[in-house]
């Protein structure tokens, strides 16, 4: 009887999981907007980057990028700039390094790590062939 109860609990959890995942609004694309007070670090860098969020969400756990998310805000959209808005390009928690440091929480750091693995994947590392497409 105990095995049957355990089976029923496992079955209920498996059936509930898709409903929980569908409860989150996962945008297909988002615009990462540089805070107005932050200066562009190069002339060719625009004020925003279009990020293929849905593509990344399929291959990565949410917490890989949303590393400060808590139970209070889980599933709510929190802009990156809510935490990463400092203008100093050398500040590890600032806007620039949130995407360009060697941490696996950053875009560049994650892409470098994937390229070092044996997956055969080659995500972009070049500025203009990756995030900052020239207009």
C-alpha atoms as a PDB file:
ATOM      1  CA  UNK A   1       0.000   0.000   0.000  1.00  0.00           C
ATOM      2  CA  UNK A   2       2.874   2.412   0.791  1.00  0.00           C
ATOM      3  CA  UNK A   3       4.322   1.983  -2.711  1.00  0.00           C
ATOM      4  CA  UNK A   4       0.957   2.801  -4.237  1.00  0.00           C
ATOM      5  CA  UNK A   5       0.673   5.980  -2.121  1.00  0.00           C
ATOM      6  CA  UNK A   6       4.167   7.025  -3.197  1.00  0.00           C
ATOM      7  CA  UNK A   7       3.258   6.371  -6.805  1.00  0.00           C
ATOM      8  CA  UNK A   8       0.133   8.546  -6.488  1.00  0.00           C
ATOM      9  CA  UNK A   9       2.140  11.406  -4.960  1.00  0.00           C
ATOM     10  CA  UNK A  10       4.757  11.161  -7.729  1.00  0.00           C
ATOM     11  CA  UNK A  11       2.032  11.075 -10.379  1.00  0.00           C
ATOM     12  CA  UNK A  12       0.316  14.125  -8.893  1.00  0.00           C
ATOM     13  CA  UNK A  13       3.591  16.043  -8.878  1.00  0.00           C
ATOM     14  CA  UNK A  14       4.320  15.123 -12.502  1.00  0.00           C
ATOM     15  CA  UNK A  15       0.864  16.266 -13.557  1.00  0.00           C
ATOM     16  CA  UNK A  16       1.128  19.517 -11.591  1.00  0.00           C
ATOM     17  CA  UNK A  17       4.563  20.499 -12.923  1.00  0.00           C
ATOM     18  CA  UNK A  18       3.416  21.625 -16.404  1.00  0.00           C
ATOM     19  CA  UNK A  19       0.711  23.787 -14.825  1.00  0.00           C
ATOM     20  CA  UNK A  20       3.282  25.469 -12.579  1.00  0.00           C
ATOM     21  CA  UNK A  21       5.632  26.099 -15.509  1.00  0.00           C
ATOM     22  CA  UNK A  22       2.830  27.547 -17.618  1.00  0.00           C
ATOM     23  CA  UNK A  23       2.004  29.976 -14.797  1.00  0.00           C
ATOM     24  CA  UNK A  24       5.152  31.973 -15.583  1.00  0.00           C
ATOM     25  CA  UNK A  25       5.040  34.534 -18.349  1.00  0.00           C
ATOM     26  CA  UNK A  26       8.234  33.872 -20.295  1.00  0.00           C
ATOM     27  CA  UNK A  27       8.672  36.610 -22.896  1.00  0.00           C
ATOM     28  CA  UNK A  28      10.096  35.448 -26.219  1.00  0.00           C
ATOM     29  CA  UNK A  29      12.287  38.565 -26.570  1.00  0.00           C
ATOM     30  CA  UNK A  30      13.138  41.393 -24.205  1.00  0.00           C
ATOM     31  CA  UNK A  31      14.878  44.699 -24.699  1.00  0.00           C
ATOM     32  CA  UNK A  32      17.757  45.271 -22.300  1.00  0.00           C
ATOM     33  CA  UNK A  33      17.869  49.047 -21.995  1.00  0.00           C
ATOM     34  CA  UNK A  34      21.007  50.815 -20.816  1.00  0.00           C
ATOM     35  CA  UNK A  35      20.070  53.148 -17.925  1.00  0.00           C
ATOM     36  CA  UNK A  36      19.898  56.750 -19.156  1.00  0.00           C
ATOM     37  CA  UNK A  37      22.518  57.916 -16.664  1.00  0.00           C
ATOM     38  CA  UNK A  38      25.021  55.348 -17.969  1.00  0.00           C
ATOM     39  CA  UNK A  39      27.262  56.484 -20.792  1.00  0.00           C
ATOM     40  CA  UNK A  40      27.854  54.268 -23.822  1.00  0.00           C
ATOM     41  CA  UNK A  41      31.349  52.779 -23.682  1.00  0.00           C
ATOM     42  CA  UNK A  42      31.717  52.910 -27.482  1.00  0.00           C
ATOM     43  CA  UNK A  43      30.056  55.052 -30.178  1.00  0.00           C
ATOM     44  CA  UNK A  44      28.667  52.074 -32.077  1.00  0.00           C
ATOM     45  CA  UNK A  45      26.855  50.677 -29.006  1.00  0.00           C
ATOM     46  CA  UNK A  46      23.168  51.495 -29.069  1.00  0.00           C
ATOM     47  CA  UNK A  47      21.004  52.207 -26.006  1.00  0.00           C
ATOM     48  CA  UNK A  48      19.431  48.735 -26.012  1.00  0.00           C
ATOM     49  CA  UNK A  49      20.014  45.113 -26.945  1.00  0.00           C
ATOM     50  CA  UNK A  50      17.330  42.698 -28.102  1.00  0.00           C
ATOM     51  CA  UNK A  51      17.748  39.548 -26.034  1.00  0.00           C
ATOM     52  CA  UNK A  52      16.231  36.218 -27.212  1.00  0.00           C
ATOM     53  CA  UNK A  53      14.881  35.377 -23.754  1.00  0.00           C
ATOM     54  CA  UNK A  54      12.635  32.492 -24.830  1.00  0.00           C
ATOM     55  CA  UNK A  55      15.511  30.729 -26.599  1.00  0.00           C
ATOM     56  CA  UNK A  56      17.715  31.016 -23.515  1.00  0.00           C
ATOM     57  CA  UNK A  57      14.879  29.982 -21.165  1.00  0.00           C
ATOM     58  CA  UNK A  58      14.553  26.650 -22.985  1.00  0.00           C
ATOM     59  CA  UNK A  59      18.205  25.743 -22.341  1.00  0.00           C
ATOM     60  CA  UNK A  60      18.846  27.334 -18.938  1.00  0.00           C
ATOM     61  CA  UNK A  61      17.245  27.249 -15.511  1.00  0.00           C
ATOM     62  CA  UNK A  62      15.740  30.634 -14.603  1.00  0.00           C
ATOM     63  CA  UNK A  63      18.013  31.024 -11.585  1.00  0.00           C
ATOM     64  CA  UNK A  64      21.103  30.789 -13.776  1.00  0.00           C
ATOM     65  CA  UNK A  65      20.512  34.411 -14.795  1.00  0.00           C
ATOM     66  CA  UNK A  66      17.923  35.515 -12.242  1.00  0.00           C
ATOM     67  CA  UNK A  67      20.316  34.601  -9.449  1.00  0.00           C
ATOM     68  CA  UNK A  68      18.883  36.998  -6.860  1.00  0.00           C
ATOM     69  CA  UNK A  69      15.261  35.998  -7.314  1.00  0.00           C
ATOM     70  CA  UNK A  70      13.477  35.126  -4.085  1.00  0.00           C
ATOM     71  CA  UNK A  71      10.253  33.325  -3.254  1.00  0.00           C
ATOM     72  CA  UNK A  72       8.567  36.746  -3.001  1.00  0.00           C
ATOM     73  CA  UNK A  73       9.252  37.689  -6.613  1.00  0.00           C
ATOM     74  CA  UNK A  74       9.546  34.257  -8.237  1.00  0.00           C
ATOM     75  CA  UNK A  75       7.691  34.329 -11.550  1.00  0.00           C
ATOM     76  CA  UNK A  76       7.386  38.126 -11.669  1.00  0.00           C
ATOM     77  CA  UNK A  77       9.326  40.072 -14.270  1.00  0.00           C
ATOM     78  CA  UNK A  78      12.249  41.888 -12.706  1.00  0.00           C
ATOM     79  CA  UNK A  79      14.323  43.991 -15.045  1.00  0.00           C
ATOM     80  CA  UNK A  80      18.059  43.397 -14.964  1.00  0.00           C
ATOM     81  CA  UNK A  81      18.605  47.071 -14.212  1.00  0.00           C
ATOM     82  CA  UNK A  82      16.683  46.748 -10.958  1.00  0.00           C
ATOM     83  CA  UNK A  83      19.928  45.388  -9.486  1.00  0.00           C
ATOM     84  CA  UNK A  84      22.503  46.181 -12.184  1.00  0.00           C
ATOM     85  CA  UNK A  85      22.327  49.923 -12.825  1.00  0.00           C
ATOM     86  CA  UNK A  86      25.617  51.363 -11.550  1.00  0.00           C
ATOM     87  CA  UNK A  87      27.514  53.373 -14.177  1.00  0.00           C
ATOM     88  CA  UNK A  88      31.033  52.283 -13.177  1.00  0.00           C
ATOM     89  CA  UNK A  89      32.161  49.754 -15.844  1.00  0.00           C
ATOM     90  CA  UNK A  90      34.576  48.195 -13.319  1.00  0.00           C
ATOM     91  CA  UNK A  91      31.908  47.523 -10.659  1.00  0.00           C
ATOM     92  CA  UNK A  92      31.064  43.799 -10.556  1.00  0.00           C
ATOM     93  CA  UNK A  93      27.417  44.573  -9.782  1.00  0.00           C
ATOM     94  CA  UNK A  94      27.199  47.411 -12.315  1.00  0.00           C
ATOM     95  CA  UNK A  95      25.353  47.461 -15.609  1.00  0.00           C
ATOM     96  CA  UNK A  96      28.319  46.714 -17.903  1.00  0.00           C
ATOM     97  CA  UNK A  97      29.833  43.781 -16.001  1.00  0.00           C
ATOM     98  CA  UNK A  98      26.458  42.152 -15.444  1.00  0.00           C
ATOM     99  CA  UNK A  99      26.753  41.075 -19.099  1.00  0.00           C
ATOM    100  CA  UNK A 100      30.494  41.186 -19.753  1.00  0.00           C
ATOM    101  CA  UNK A 101      32.343  39.524 -16.859  1.00  0.00           C
ATOM    102  CA  UNK A 102      33.616  35.952 -16.553  1.00  0.00           C
ATOM    103  CA  UNK A 103      30.852  34.863 -14.168  1.00  0.00           C
ATOM    104  CA  UNK A 104      28.517  32.200 -15.512  1.00  0.00           C
ATOM    105  CA  UNK A 105      25.677  34.573 -14.528  1.00  0.00           C
ATOM    106  CA  UNK A 106      26.781  36.947 -17.300  1.00  0.00           C
ATOM    107  CA  UNK A 107      26.170  36.508 -21.036  1.00  0.00           C
ATOM    108  CA  UNK A 108      29.830  36.632 -21.998  1.00  0.00           C
ATOM    109  CA  UNK A 109      30.951  34.368 -19.153  1.00  0.00           C
ATOM    110  CA  UNK A 110      28.301  31.770 -19.958  1.00  0.00           C
ATOM    111  CA  UNK A 111      29.108  31.839 -23.676  1.00  0.00           C
ATOM    112  CA  UNK A 112      32.821  31.362 -22.924  1.00  0.00           C
ATOM    113  CA  UNK A 113      32.092  28.407 -20.651  1.00  0.00           C
ATOM    114  CA  UNK A 114      29.883  26.741 -23.279  1.00  0.00           C
ATOM    115  CA  UNK A 115      32.625  27.141 -25.911  1.00  0.00           C
ATOM    116  CA  UNK A 116      35.122  25.444 -23.580  1.00  0.00           C
ATOM    117  CA  UNK A 117      32.882  22.413 -23.147  1.00  0.00           C
ATOM    118  CA  UNK A 118      32.530  19.424 -25.420  1.00  0.00           C
ATOM    119  CA  UNK A 119      29.051  20.378 -26.617  1.00  0.00           C
ATOM    120  CA  UNK A 120      30.072  21.568 -30.079  1.00  0.00           C
ATOM    121  CA  UNK A 121      28.053  24.745 -29.511  1.00  0.00           C
ATOM    122  CA  UNK A 122      29.599  28.046 -30.555  1.00  0.00           C
ATOM    123  CA  UNK A 123      27.597  30.913 -29.011  1.00  0.00           C
ATOM    124  CA  UNK A 124      28.742  34.372 -30.102  1.00  0.00           C
ATOM    125  CA  UNK A 125      31.567  36.126 -28.285  1.00  0.00           C
ATOM    126  CA  UNK A 126      32.091  38.974 -30.732  1.00  0.00           C
ATOM    127  CA  UNK A 127      30.320  42.205 -29.828  1.00  0.00           C
ATOM    128  CA  UNK A 128      28.839  42.975 -33.253  1.00  0.00           C
ATOM    129  CA  UNK A 129      28.202  39.361 -34.259  1.00  0.00           C
ATOM    130  CA  UNK A 130      26.442  38.720 -30.977  1.00  0.00           C
ATOM    131  CA  UNK A 131      24.410  41.203 -28.990  1.00  0.00           C
ATOM    132  CA  UNK A 132      25.329  44.545 -30.535  1.00  0.00           C
ATOM    133  CA  UNK A 133      24.305  44.124 -34.166  1.00  0.00           C
ATOM    134  CA  UNK A 134      25.468  47.084 -36.243  1.00  0.00           C
ATOM    135  CA  UNK A 135      22.583  49.030 -37.713  1.00  0.00           C
END
